[in-house]
Protein backbone atom coordinates (compact mmCIF):
# COMPACT_ATOMS: atom_id res chain seq x y z
CA UNK A 1 18.20 22.53 -10.51
CA UNK A 2 21.17 21.58 -9.17
CA UNK A 3 24.90 23.58 -9.15
CA UNK A 4 26.23 22.03 -11.86
CA UNK A 5 23.64 22.82 -14.36
CA UNK A 6 24.93 26.59 -14.33
CA UNK A 7 21.84 27.89 -14.15
CA UNK A 8 22.52 28.81 -10.49
CA UNK A 9 25.55 30.77 -11.27
CA UNK A 10 24.46 32.18 -14.35
CA UNK A 11 21.39 33.53 -13.48
CA UNK A 12 21.12 34.09 -9.24
CA UNK A 13 17.73 36.15 -9.71
CA UNK A 14 16.21 33.03 -11.16
CA UNK A 15 16.18 31.20 -7.74
CA UNK A 16 14.29 31.06 -4.73
CA UNK A 17 15.68 32.34 -1.54
CA UNK A 18 15.54 32.88 1.80
CA UNK A 19 16.97 36.55 4.06
CA UNK A 20 20.68 34.08 4.26
CA UNK A 21 20.68 34.02 0.20
CA UNK A 22 19.39 31.20 -2.36
CA UNK A 23 17.79 28.17 -0.27
CA UNK A 24 19.99 25.06 -0.87
CA UNK A 25 17.80 21.83 -0.37
CA UNK A 26 20.44 19.60 -0.46
CA UNK A 27 23.73 18.42 -1.60
CA UNK A 28 24.27 15.24 -3.75
CA UNK A 29 27.19 14.89 -6.06
CA UNK A 30 25.14 12.07 -7.97
CA UNK A 31 22.58 15.30 -8.96
CA UNK A 32 25.17 17.37 -9.52
CA UNK A 33 26.12 18.88 -6.57
CA UNK A 34 24.32 21.65 -4.43
CA UNK A 35 20.11 21.50 -5.26
CA UNK A 36 18.34 24.74 -5.77
CA UNK A 37 14.62 25.45 -6.81
CA UNK A 38 13.49 27.99 -9.67
CA UNK A 39 11.06 30.94 -8.94
CA UNK A 40 8.05 29.96 -10.97
CA UNK A 41 6.97 33.03 -11.40
CA UNK A 42 9.73 34.60 -12.93
CA UNK A 43 8.80 35.58 -17.16
CA UNK A 44 12.46 33.94 -17.66
CA UNK A 45 12.41 30.98 -15.56
CA UNK A 46 8.89 29.91 -17.07
CA UNK A 47 10.70 30.01 -20.70
CA UNK A 48 12.93 28.19 -19.61
CA UNK A 49 10.79 25.69 -18.32
CA UNK A 50 8.66 25.77 -21.70
CA UNK A 51 11.56 25.19 -23.25
CA UNK A 52 12.83 22.50 -21.56
CA UNK A 53 9.69 20.29 -21.50
CA UNK A 54 9.54 20.46 -25.36
CA UNK A 55 13.14 19.34 -25.59
CA UNK A 56 11.91 16.61 -23.61
CA UNK A 57 8.88 15.74 -26.01
CA UNK A 58 10.16 16.69 -29.13
CA UNK A 59 14.08 16.06 -29.24
CA UNK A 60 14.83 13.58 -26.70
CA UNK A 61 11.30 11.38 -27.34
CA UNK A 62 9.75 11.15 -24.32
CA UNK A 63 6.02 11.32 -23.31
CA UNK A 64 5.90 10.53 -19.90
CA UNK A 65 7.53 13.17 -17.30
CA UNK A 66 7.54 12.46 -13.75
CA UNK A 67 8.64 15.56 -11.53
CA UNK A 68 9.63 15.11 -8.22
CA UNK A 69 10.20 17.20 -4.82
CA UNK A 70 7.55 19.92 -6.34
CA UNK A 71 6.83 21.21 -2.50
CA UNK A 72 10.33 22.98 -3.05
CA UNK A 73 8.92 25.39 -5.33
CA UNK A 74 6.52 27.02 -2.70
CA UNK A 75 9.16 28.17 -0.12
CA UNK A 76 10.95 31.17 -0.34
CA UNK A 77 10.60 34.97 1.26
CA UNK A 78 8.88 36.13 -2.05
CA UNK A 79 8.25 35.52 -5.61
CA UNK A 80 9.06 37.93 -8.23
CA UNK A 81 6.15 40.51 -8.85
CA UNK A 82 4.67 39.65 -5.56
CA UNK A 83 2.68 36.62 -6.69
CA UNK A 84 1.72 33.92 -3.45
CA UNK A 85 3.77 31.09 -3.31
CA UNK A 86 0.58 28.67 -4.86
CA UNK A 87 0.52 31.17 -8.14
CA UNK A 88 4.05 30.93 -8.37
CA UNK A 89 3.51 27.20 -8.26
CA UNK A 90 1.13 26.85 -11.11
CA UNK A 91 2.86 29.58 -13.12
CA UNK A 92 6.08 26.84 -13.11
CA UNK A 93 3.72 24.06 -14.13
CA UNK A 94 1.62 25.85 -16.48
CA UNK A 95 4.90 26.46 -18.30
CA UNK A 96 5.87 23.13 -18.35
CA UNK A 97 2.38 21.51 -19.40
CA UNK A 98 2.49 23.91 -22.56
CA UNK A 99 5.74 23.24 -23.03
CA UNK A 100 5.04 19.30 -23.16
CA UNK A 101 2.03 19.68 -25.21
CA UNK A 102 -1.28 18.20 -24.44
CA UNK A 103 -0.21 14.10 -25.41
CA UNK A 104 2.54 13.81 -22.87
CA UNK A 105 1.48 12.48 -19.35
CA UNK A 106 2.94 14.67 -16.51
CA UNK A 107 2.77 12.99 -12.94
CA UNK A 108 3.47 15.11 -10.27
CA UNK A 109 5.39 14.14 -6.98
CA UNK A 110 6.00 15.28 -3.29
CA UNK A 111 3.76 18.38 -4.51
CA UNK A 112 1.42 20.79 -2.71
CA UNK A 113 -1.79 18.79 -4.36
CA UNK A 114 -4.62 20.97 -4.88
CA UNK A 115 -3.07 23.76 -6.76
CA UNK A 116 -1.32 21.35 -9.28
CA UNK A 117 -5.06 20.97 -10.68
CA UNK A 118 -5.62 21.32 -14.61
CA UNK A 119 -1.66 20.80 -15.23
CA UNK A 120 -0.97 17.30 -13.95
CA UNK A 121 -2.44 14.13 -15.44
CA UNK A 122 -1.34 11.64 -12.29
CA UNK A 123 -0.14 12.44 -9.13
CA UNK A 124 1.77 10.46 -6.37
CA UNK A 125 -0.37 11.05 -3.30
CA UNK A 126 1.95 9.43 -0.66
CA UNK A 127 4.80 8.23 0.50
CA UNK A 128 7.43 6.15 -1.17
CA UNK A 129 6.68 2.58 -1.17
CA UNK A 130 9.26 -0.35 0.14
CA UNK A 131 9.08 -4.16 -0.18
CA UNK A 132 8.11 -5.09 3.51
CA UNK A 133 5.28 -5.25 5.50
CA UNK A 134 5.44 -1.65 7.42
CA UNK A 135 6.72 -0.14 3.71
CA UNK A 136 2.79 -0.66 2.33
CA UNK A 137 0.91 0.93 5.10
CA UNK A 138 1.39 4.72 4.45
CA UNK A 139 0.94 4.06 0.67
CA UNK A 140 -2.19 2.36 1.30
CA UNK A 141 -3.66 4.91 3.86
CA UNK A 142 -2.84 7.72 1.74
CA UNK A 143 -4.46 6.13 -1.47
CA UNK A 144 -7.93 5.65 0.98
CA UNK A 145 -7.60 8.99 2.36
CA UNK A 146 -7.11 10.86 -0.80
CA UNK A 147 -9.27 8.39 -3.20
CA UNK A 148 -11.82 11.67 -4.17
CA UNK A 149 -9.04 12.90 -6.16
CA UNK A 150 -9.03 9.89 -8.34
CA UNK A 151 -10.62 10.21 -11.88
CA UNK A 152 -12.06 13.65 -10.77
CA UNK A 153 -8.64 15.62 -10.49
CA UNK A 154 -5.94 13.72 -12.16
CA UNK A 155 -4.84 9.70 -11.92
CA UNK A 156 -3.83 8.81 -8.50
CA UNK A 157 -0.72 7.29 -7.63
CA UNK A 158 -0.28 5.49 -4.90
CA UNK A 159 3.53 4.15 -5.82
CA UNK A 160 5.09 1.36 -6.93
CA UNK A 161 3.43 -2.12 -7.04
CA UNK A 162 6.41 -4.31 -5.88
CA UNK A 163 5.47 -7.80 -5.06
CA UNK A 164 9.26 -9.19 -4.53
CA UNK A 165 10.32 -10.69 -1.06
CA UNK A 166 11.27 -9.82 1.57
CA UNK A 167 7.21 -9.79 0.95
CA UNK A 168 5.60 -12.84 1.63
CA UNK A 169 3.20 -13.89 -1.36
CA UNK A 170 0.11 -12.95 0.89
CA UNK A 171 1.81 -9.56 1.13
CA UNK A 172 2.13 -9.25 -2.19
CA UNK A 173 -1.22 -10.19 -3.25
CA UNK A 174 -2.56 -7.49 -0.54
CA UNK A 175 -0.92 -4.79 -1.99
CA UNK A 176 -1.87 -5.80 -5.77
CA UNK A 177 -5.38 -6.01 -4.39
CA UNK A 178 -5.90 -2.67 -3.04
CA UNK A 179 -3.25 -1.13 -6.20
CA UNK A 180 -6.15 -2.92 -8.30
CA UNK A 181 -9.25 -2.09 -6.52
CA UNK A 182 -7.81 2.15 -6.51
CA UNK A 183 -7.86 2.06 -10.22
CA UNK A 184 -4.90 4.13 -9.90
CA UNK A 185 -1.53 4.02 -11.52
CA UNK A 186 -0.33 0.66 -11.94
CA UNK A 187 3.77 1.02 -11.97
CA UNK A 188 6.18 -2.17 -11.41
CA UNK A 189 9.64 -1.64 -9.68
CA UNK A 190 10.70 -5.01 -9.37
CA UNK A 191 13.74 -6.63 -11.60
CA UNK A 192 10.86 -8.35 -13.05
CA UNK A 193 13.55 -11.01 -14.88
CA UNK A 194 14.40 -11.82 -11.55
CA UNK A 195 10.85 -12.20 -9.78
CA UNK A 196 10.03 -15.75 -8.67
CA UNK A 197 7.49 -17.03 -11.28
CA UNK A 198 4.56 -16.87 -8.63
CA UNK A 199 5.04 -13.19 -7.94
CA UNK A 200 4.93 -12.66 -11.92
CA UNK A 201 1.70 -13.88 -11.99
CA UNK A 202 0.48 -11.43 -9.08
CA UNK A 203 1.46 -8.74 -11.33
CA UNK A 204 -0.23 -9.90 -14.25
CA UNK A 205 -3.62 -10.18 -12.20
CA UNK A 206 -3.42 -6.22 -12.43
CA UNK A 207 -3.26 -5.29 -15.60
CA UNK A 208 -4.65 -3.65 -17.84
CA UNK A 209 -5.55 -1.34 -15.18
CA UNK A 210 -9.52 -1.59 -14.16
CA UNK A 211 -10.99 1.44 -14.79
CA UNK A 212 -12.82 1.57 -11.41
CA UNK A 213 -12.19 4.07 -8.37
CA UNK A 214 -12.52 1.74 -5.63
CA UNK A 215 -13.16 3.01 -1.78
CA UNK A 216 -11.93 2.25 0.83
CA UNK A 217 -15.24 1.46 3.58
CA UNK A 218 -13.47 2.14 7.29
CA UNK A 219 -10.82 5.02 5.72
CA UNK A 220 -11.62 7.53 8.68
CA UNK A 221 -12.09 5.10 11.24
CA UNK A 222 -9.59 6.16 14.11
CA UNK A 223 -8.36 4.38 17.19
CA UNK A 224 -6.12 5.42 20.12
CA UNK A 225 -2.53 5.96 20.08
CA UNK A 226 -0.81 4.20 22.47
CA UNK A 227 2.67 3.78 21.50
CA UNK A 228 5.44 3.88 23.40
CA UNK A 229 3.54 2.12 25.88
CA UNK A 230 2.99 -1.38 27.40
CA UNK A 231 -0.47 -3.17 25.90
CA UNK A 232 -2.52 -5.40 27.96
CA UNK A 233 -5.51 -6.51 26.99
CA UNK A 234 -7.77 -3.00 27.48
CA UNK A 235 -5.27 -1.96 29.86
CA UNK A 236 -2.50 0.43 28.96
CA UNK A 237 0.79 1.56 31.03
CA UNK A 238 1.97 4.22 29.16
CA UNK A 239 6.17 4.85 29.10
CA UNK A 240 6.82 8.29 29.53
CA UNK A 241 10.27 8.53 29.69
CA UNK A 242 12.99 10.26 30.21
CA UNK A 243 14.73 8.42 27.54
CA UNK A 244 18.46 8.51 27.36
CA UNK A 245 20.46 8.07 23.81
CA UNK A 246 23.75 7.29 23.47
CA UNK A 247 25.80 6.88 19.64
CA UNK A 248 27.86 3.81 18.97
CA UNK A 249 27.41 -0.14 19.52
CA UNK A 250 27.57 -2.26 22.63
CA UNK A 251 25.86 -5.48 23.54
CA UNK A 252 25.71 -4.59 27.29
CA UNK A 253 23.76 -1.80 26.54
CA UNK A 254 20.65 -4.41 26.43
CA UNK A 255 21.47 -5.44 29.69
CA UNK A 256 18.86 -4.87 32.51
CA UNK A 257 21.82 -4.27 35.21
CA UNK A 258 23.20 -1.60 32.61
CA UNK A 259 23.41 1.81 33.97
CA UNK A 260 22.59 4.37 31.78
CA UNK A 261 21.99 7.22 33.74
CA UNK A 262 25.43 9.43 32.19
CA UNK A 263 23.78 8.80 28.93
CA UNK A 264 22.04 12.62 27.76
CA UNK A 265 18.66 12.66 27.49
CA UNK A 266 16.52 12.87 24.35
CA UNK A 267 13.27 13.59 23.02
CA UNK A 268 10.53 10.29 22.01
CA UNK A 269 9.40 10.53 19.08
CA UNK A 270 11.96 12.56 17.05
CA UNK A 271 14.75 12.28 14.52
CA UNK A 272 18.28 12.34 16.42
CA UNK A 273 19.74 14.76 13.59
CA UNK A 274 17.65 17.41 15.67
CA UNK A 275 18.43 16.26 18.87
CA UNK A 276 22.30 17.37 18.06
CA UNK A 277 23.71 14.59 15.79
CA UNK A 278 23.17 16.16 12.44
CA UNK A 279 24.64 13.78 9.49
CA UNK A 280 25.04 10.65 12.39
CA UNK A 281 24.20 7.41 10.52
CA UNK A 282 25.33 4.45 12.56
CA UNK A 283 24.38 2.41 15.42
CA UNK A 284 22.53 4.07 18.74
CA UNK A 285 20.59 3.35 21.70
CA UNK A 286 17.50 4.14 23.18
CA UNK A 287 17.16 3.30 27.54
CA UNK A 288 14.17 4.25 29.90
CA UNK A 289 13.08 2.59 33.11
CA UNK A 290 9.58 2.66 33.86
CA UNK A 291 7.36 0.70 36.67
CA UNK A 292 4.52 -1.07 36.80
CA UNK A 293 1.60 -1.71 39.26
CA UNK A 294 1.78 -5.28 41.25
CA UNK A 295 0.60 -7.68 38.92
CA UNK A 296 -3.08 -8.15 37.84
CA UNK A 297 -5.71 -10.12 39.61
CA UNK A 298 -5.90 -12.51 36.77
CA UNK A 299 -2.78 -14.16 34.87
CA UNK A 300 -1.29 -11.68 32.17
CA UNK A 301 -0.13 -13.78 28.90
CA UNK A 302 -1.76 -15.97 26.44
CA UNK A 303 -3.66 -18.55 28.71
CA UNK A 304 -6.12 -16.00 29.07
CA UNK A 305 -5.47 -13.99 25.56
CA UNK A 306 -4.36 -10.86 27.27
CA UNK A 307 -0.42 -11.10 25.98
CA UNK A 308 1.27 -8.20 26.75
CA UNK A 309 2.73 -6.23 24.23
CA UNK A 310 5.33 -3.64 23.75
CA UNK A 311 4.35 -0.43 20.95
CA UNK A 312 7.00 1.51 20.39
CA UNK A 313 6.18 3.56 16.73
CA UNK A 314 8.57 3.69 14.07
CA UNK A 315 12.17 3.74 13.92
CA UNK A 316 14.49 4.44 10.98
CA UNK A 317 15.52 2.00 10.30
CA UNK A 318 16.24 -1.03 12.19
CA UNK A 319 15.80 -2.43 15.60
CA UNK A 320 15.87 -4.89 18.07
CA UNK A 321 14.60 -4.42 21.48
CA UNK A 322 15.03 -5.92 24.70
CA UNK A 323 12.96 -5.52 27.75
CA UNK A 324 14.51 -6.50 31.37
CA UNK A 325 17.47 -7.41 29.12
CA UNK A 326 15.28 -10.15 27.18
CA UNK A 327 15.21 -9.49 23.14
CA UNK A 328 11.32 -9.30 22.47
CA UNK A 329 11.64 -8.56 18.90
CA UNK A 330 13.20 -7.20 15.83
CA UNK A 331 12.39 -5.20 12.71
CA UNK A 332 14.34 -5.01 9.89
CA UNK A 333 18.13 -5.93 9.47
CA UNK A 334 21.06 -4.87 10.87
CA UNK A 335 24.60 -5.25 8.76
CA UNK A 336 26.13 -7.07 7.07
CA UNK A 337 22.29 -8.13 5.63
CA UNK A 338 20.89 -4.01 6.53
CA UNK A 339 17.57 -3.67 5.56
CA UNK A 340 15.49 -0.72 6.23
CA UNK A 341 12.37 -1.12 7.65
CA UNK A 342 11.57 2.64 8.31
CA UNK A 343 8.00 3.11 7.86
CA UNK A 344 7.05 -0.21 9.78
CA UNK A 345 4.89 0.18 13.31
CA UNK A 346 6.98 -1.64 16.23
CA UNK A 347 4.82 -4.30 18.34
CA UNK A 348 6.16 -6.76 20.18
CA UNK A 349 4.47 -9.62 22.06
CA UNK A 350 6.85 -9.00 25.74
CA UNK A 351 6.76 -12.89 27.42
CA UNK A 352 5.29 -12.66 31.22
CA UNK A 353 8.07 -13.62 32.78
CA UNK A 354 10.06 -10.47 31.55
CA UNK A 355 8.35 -8.15 32.87
CA UNK A 356 8.79 -6.84 36.43
CA UNK A 357 5.11 -6.45 37.88
CA UNK A 358 4.91 -4.10 41.15
CA UNK A 359 8.92 -2.99 40.06
CA UNK A 360 10.87 -1.29 37.95
CA UNK A 361 11.71 -2.27 34.61
CA UNK A 362 13.95 -1.47 31.85
CA UNK A 363 13.64 -1.13 27.88
CA UNK A 364 16.37 -0.71 25.97
CA UNK A 365 16.12 -0.57 22.03
CA UNK A 366 19.20 -1.07 19.76
CA UNK A 367 19.15 1.27 16.44
CA UNK A 368 21.00 1.14 13.11
CA UNK A 369 20.41 3.85 10.92
CA UNK A 370 21.74 3.56 6.95
CA UNK A 371 21.67 7.22 5.37
CA UNK A 372 19.14 9.98 6.20
CA UNK A 373 17.52 10.97 9.27
CA UNK A 374 17.79 8.26 11.99
CA UNK A 375 16.28 7.09 15.42
CA UNK A 376 13.05 7.19 17.03
CA UNK A 377 10.93 9.13 14.62
CA UNK A 378 7.06 8.21 15.33
CA UNK A 379 5.02 7.17 17.53
CA UNK A 380 1.64 7.07 15.63
CA UNK A 381 -0.04 3.75 14.60
CA UNK A 382 -1.83 5.53 11.03
CA UNK A 383 -2.95 1.84 10.25
CA UNK A 384 -4.33 1.70 6.86
CA UNK A 385 -8.06 1.14 6.07
CA UNK A 386 -8.54 -3.27 6.44
CA UNK A 387 -11.80 -2.72 4.02
CA UNK A 388 -12.21 -2.00 0.08
CA UNK A 389 -14.36 -2.43 -2.33
CA UNK A 390 -14.58 -1.86 -6.42
CA UNK A 391 -17.80 -2.72 -8.28
CA UNK A 392 -16.07 -3.81 -11.90
CA UNK A 393 -19.27 -4.05 -13.32
CA UNK A 394 -23.14 -3.20 -12.56
CA UNK A 395 -23.58 -5.38 -9.06
CA UNK A 396 -20.42 -7.29 -9.44
CA UNK A 397 -17.78 -6.67 -6.84
CA UNK A 398 -14.85 -7.19 -5.27
CA UNK A 399 -14.05 -6.53 -1.95
CA UNK A 400 -10.56 -7.29 -0.04
CA UNK A 401 -10.35 -7.78 3.42
CA UNK A 402 -6.95 -6.83 4.60
CA UNK A 403 -5.23 -7.74 8.61
CA UNK A 404 -2.33 -5.21 9.31
CA UNK A 405 -1.92 -6.11 12.09
CA UNK A 406 0.99 -9.61 13.35
CA UNK A 407 -2.06 -11.70 14.98
CA UNK A 408 -5.03 -13.71 13.20
CA UNK A 409 -8.08 -11.45 13.05
CA UNK A 410 -11.56 -12.62 12.75
CA UNK A 411 -13.98 -10.27 10.86
CA UNK A 412 -17.30 -9.52 9.84
CA UNK A 413 -18.17 -6.93 7.55
CA UNK A 414 -21.86 -6.33 7.11
CA UNK A 415 -22.77 -6.18 3.18
CA UNK A 416 -24.45 -3.10 3.27
CA UNK A 417 -21.55 -1.21 4.38
CA UNK A 418 -19.74 -1.82 1.32
CA UNK A 419 -22.71 -0.38 -0.61
CA UNK A 420 -23.71 -3.92 -1.31
CA UNK A 421 -27.56 -4.62 -0.90
CA UNK A 422 -29.84 -7.80 -1.90
CA UNK A 423 -30.93 -11.33 -0.07
CA UNK A 424 -28.41 -13.79 -1.62
CA UNK A 425 -25.17 -13.50 -3.02
CA UNK A 426 -22.34 -15.74 -5.01
CA UNK A 427 -18.32 -15.08 -3.67
CA UNK A 428 -15.45 -16.36 -5.21
CA UNK A 429 -11.69 -16.15 -3.78
CA UNK A 430 -10.33 -14.12 -6.25
CA UNK A 431 -6.39 -15.78 -5.53
CA UNK A 432 -7.47 -19.29 -4.29
CA UNK A 433 -9.37 -19.15 -7.47
CA UNK A 434 -12.05 -21.06 -6.04
CA UNK A 435 -16.18 -20.37 -5.06
CA UNK A 436 -16.78 -19.60 -1.68
CA UNK A 437 -20.34 -20.53 0.39
CA UNK A 438 -23.03 -17.99 -0.76
CA UNK A 439 -23.44 -14.78 1.48
CA UNK A 440 -26.50 -13.36 2.83
CA UNK A 441 -25.70 -10.16 5.29
CA UNK A 442 -22.25 -9.77 6.01
CA UNK A 443 -19.06 -10.99 4.45
CA UNK A 444 -16.92 -12.90 7.44
CA UNK A 445 -13.62 -14.64 7.34
CA UNK A 446 -10.44 -15.12 9.72
CA UNK A 447 -7.59 -13.50 8.43
CA UNK A 448 -4.47 -14.73 8.74
CA UNK A 449 -1.62 -12.29 10.00
CA UNK A 450 -0.49 -9.92 7.49
CA UNK A 451 -2.87 -11.60 5.24
CA UNK A 452 -5.87 -10.77 2.99
CA UNK A 453 -9.37 -12.06 1.64
CA UNK A 454 -9.99 -10.61 -1.97
CA UNK A 455 -13.58 -11.52 -2.86
CA UNK A 456 -15.86 -11.06 -6.14
CA UNK A 457 -19.60 -10.96 -5.04
CA UNK A 458 -22.65 -11.07 -7.30
CA UNK A 459 -25.94 -11.33 -6.67
CA UNK A 460 -27.63 -14.83 -7.16
CA UNK A 461 -29.56 -15.72 -9.60
CA UNK A 462 -32.12 -18.86 -10.96
CA UNK A 463 -29.75 -19.25 -13.75
CA UNK A 464 -26.17 -19.87 -14.32
CA UNK A 465 -23.33 -17.09 -14.25
CA UNK A 466 -20.32 -16.18 -14.35
CA UNK A 467 -18.83 -15.48 -10.38
CA UNK A 468 -14.74 -15.18 -11.36
CA UNK A 469 -12.02 -15.57 -13.61
CA UNK A 470 -8.04 -16.06 -13.41
CA UNK A 471 -7.72 -13.14 -15.20
CA UNK A 472 -7.65 -9.79 -13.13
CA UNK A 473 -8.51 -8.86 -9.60
CA UNK A 474 -11.13 -6.69 -10.43
CA UNK A 475 -13.84 -9.08 -11.26
CA UNK A 476 -16.20 -7.86 -14.41
CA UNK A 477 -13.91 -4.81 -15.02
CA UNK A 478 -11.46 -6.52 -17.68
CA UNK A 479 -12.34 -9.69 -18.84
CA UNK A 480 -16.14 -10.92 -19.29
CA UNK A 481 -17.92 -8.85 -22.13
CA UNK A 482 -21.24 -9.95 -23.76
CA UNK A 483 -22.21 -12.46 -21.16
CA UNK A 484 -25.85 -13.35 -21.57
CA UNK A 485 -27.92 -16.36 -20.75
CA UNK A 486 -30.18 -17.90 -23.36
CA UNK A 487 -33.24 -19.65 -21.49
CA UNK A 488 -34.78 -21.41 -24.66
CA UNK A 489 -32.05 -23.05 -25.00
CA UNK A 490 -30.71 -22.92 -21.32
CA UNK A 491 -27.34 -21.73 -22.53
CA UNK A 492 -24.46 -19.25 -20.53
CA UNK A 493 -22.43 -17.23 -23.44
CA UNK A 494 -20.17 -14.71 -23.25
CA UNK A 495 -16.68 -13.43 -24.60
CA UNK A 496 -13.77 -13.56 -22.92
CA UNK A 497 -11.17 -10.33 -23.95
CA UNK A 498 -7.98 -8.65 -22.99
CA UNK A 499 -6.10 -12.38 -22.69
CA UNK A 500 -2.90 -12.42 -21.77
CA UNK A 501 -1.79 -16.14 -22.70
CA UNK A 502 -1.55 -17.64 -19.81
CA UNK A 503 -3.76 -20.59 -18.94
CA UNK A 504 -7.16 -18.95 -18.14
CA UNK A 505 -10.21 -20.72 -15.99
CA UNK A 506 -13.76 -18.99 -15.64
CA UNK A 507 -16.29 -20.20 -12.58
CA UNK A 508 -19.79 -20.50 -12.93
CA UNK A 509 -22.41 -20.66 -9.92
CA UNK A 510 -25.23 -22.93 -11.19
CA UNK A 511 -28.78 -23.11 -9.27
CA UNK A 512 -29.57 -26.29 -8.10
CA UNK A 513 -31.39 -29.04 -10.63
CA UNK A 514 -28.60 -27.91 -13.18
CA UNK A 515 -25.62 -29.73 -15.10
CA UNK A 516 -23.23 -28.68 -17.47
CA UNK A 517 -22.96 -29.87 -21.02
CA UNK A 518 -20.98 -28.95 -23.49
CA UNK A 519 -18.57 -26.18 -24.33
CA UNK A 520 -18.37 -24.55 -27.10
CA UNK A 521 -15.41 -22.31 -28.06
CA UNK A 522 -13.30 -20.83 -30.46
CA UNK A 523 -10.27 -22.39 -28.67
CA UNK A 524 -10.50 -26.11 -26.68
CA UNK A 525 -12.09 -26.33 -23.45
CA UNK A 526 -12.19 -28.77 -20.70
CA UNK A 527 -15.79 -28.60 -18.34
CA UNK A 528 -14.99 -29.80 -14.91
CA UNK A 529 -18.04 -29.30 -11.83
CA UNK A 530 -16.68 -28.99 -8.56
CA UNK A 531 -18.53 -30.90 -5.33
CA UNK A 532 -20.03 -27.63 -4.56
CA UNK A 533 -22.12 -27.49 -8.07
CA UNK A 534 -19.90 -25.09 -9.52
CA UNK A 535 -18.67 -25.03 -12.99
CA UNK A 536 -15.12 -24.35 -14.16
CA UNK A 537 -14.28 -23.81 -17.73
CA UNK A 538 -10.55 -23.78 -18.45
CA UNK A 539 -7.86 -23.57 -21.55
CA UNK A 540 -4.76 -23.58 -22.15
CA UNK A 541 -2.28 -21.10 -23.02
CA UNK A 542 -2.41 -19.44 -26.13
CA UNK A 543 -1.76 -16.74 -28.11
CA UNK A 544 -3.89 -14.13 -26.36
CA UNK A 545 -6.50 -13.95 -28.87
CA UNK A 546 -10.26 -12.88 -27.48
CA UNK A 547 -12.85 -16.57 -26.95
CA UNK A 548 -16.21 -16.27 -27.62
CA UNK A 549 -17.49 -19.52 -25.45
CA UNK A 550 -21.23 -20.68 -24.79
CA UNK A 551 -22.07 -23.81 -22.43
CA UNK A 552 -25.07 -25.51 -22.21
CA UNK A 553 -27.07 -26.90 -19.15
CA UNK A 554 -29.47 -29.51 -18.32
CA UNK A 555 -32.04 -30.50 -15.59
CA UNK A 556 -30.70 -32.43 -13.14
CA UNK A 557 -31.76 -34.53 -10.01
CA UNK A 558 -32.52 -31.48 -7.83
CA UNK A 559 -29.76 -32.14 -5.32
CA UNK A 560 -28.50 -28.28 -4.16
CA UNK A 561 -25.55 -26.80 -4.78
CA UNK A 562 -22.79 -27.84 -2.36
CA UNK A 563 -24.39 -31.53 -1.34
CA UNK A 564 -23.51 -33.53 -4.20
């Protein structure tokens, strides 16, 4: 509730307050001045909220309503009638829900979660997403940790599916895979007319929302926190400070020989506003000195796989980091091309010749904050899970392996750990639209930095079967229906539904000794046989109608799939 609404002046008894007076959460001219919160336990507030919600749907014509900063409704020293914070919060939500009626969709945000059950249709279950690799990670982690709410208490909202640059295509595909596999709300916030064609195609493969509730396999796997610290293989050299700080900017502050002893001390982590600089936006520097032991007995560097990294944590908004005067990394952009990456964990490779083993070293971090809290605010990694799986149709899974790191990584995930049992499986690379070698006990891959592999997995059978299509990320959940094998006719048939008018392809796994014949369909299709023995059916762009199709097979030469 803002000042210019007139409500705070007309009804001061409706406002939540502390001993010193009504609580002012913020002052935003674009919102209407000072921002207050209402006491949901007050009967007159409940009636006002009911009337407002009813106006929203009946007069303004909205059927979707999002309410943010709901936690502000649970503050104050007391509530009307002696109700608790939770009771007052639920009273207010109940009034809004009743005013909206049963058909409008109510999305909660910034909310105490469990106390909203029964009143909201959807719930933001994490922080805001940003269109950069670091900005995807907190929402991804929240989607994993709070998946148990999804389709039980409400529909989870992991925040917007963003695919625009500066995200690389592989990064956008990774986030699209996780949102699609979660089965949560899928909301776009990119400027769609300005998106490159290939990014629009990524979004198209997430609609409609698949009716699944995927899970992260390693959601609760922990890892030691090392920031701020220097990491060489398994050895960690922690940087304990003391930390020195000053506002302003000068290139000399990054040099090894600069003397920062006159700077003020500051705690790390923590926003600089809490350290005596309220409201400050702009440039600032952190410096500290640390001593390393003598050089390890064997070389440290790329030659032995023990590259040294400095791990800092998260900095709001942009930084560039120097070790002994050598720039080792930068995250975000400084003015005039300012770009925030306040959620990104900083981890930089340090050239071995930049370090002074057996002596003193200097770390200097230049920071720019473009608004709101600023500075070195967290040292926690909070890495999201790297393995996700959803069952789009009975025994037809889609799994995503994500590499959140800056270096390539070899992974091997046991299929039983994904809840997949059996002896042999057909596999399909979702984003490459290509079959993969058969799987037996594990899904193994080399993941590129900031990359992902999204794979459809289906038990191998002694007949042809669909293993993947170009329509949707979650295979088996959206477009393939009524799939059946007619043994007497050696014919596979199915219906491809929920098509969107784009060119469309279906990949079929074929047992050895069988070759494709003729494809019959409502629309003309072409048949191709890959070197692996898989068969691909293709359709040109159409009007999006359902396609009923069938393809027959004949006995071949008995050559094994993959050795044609």
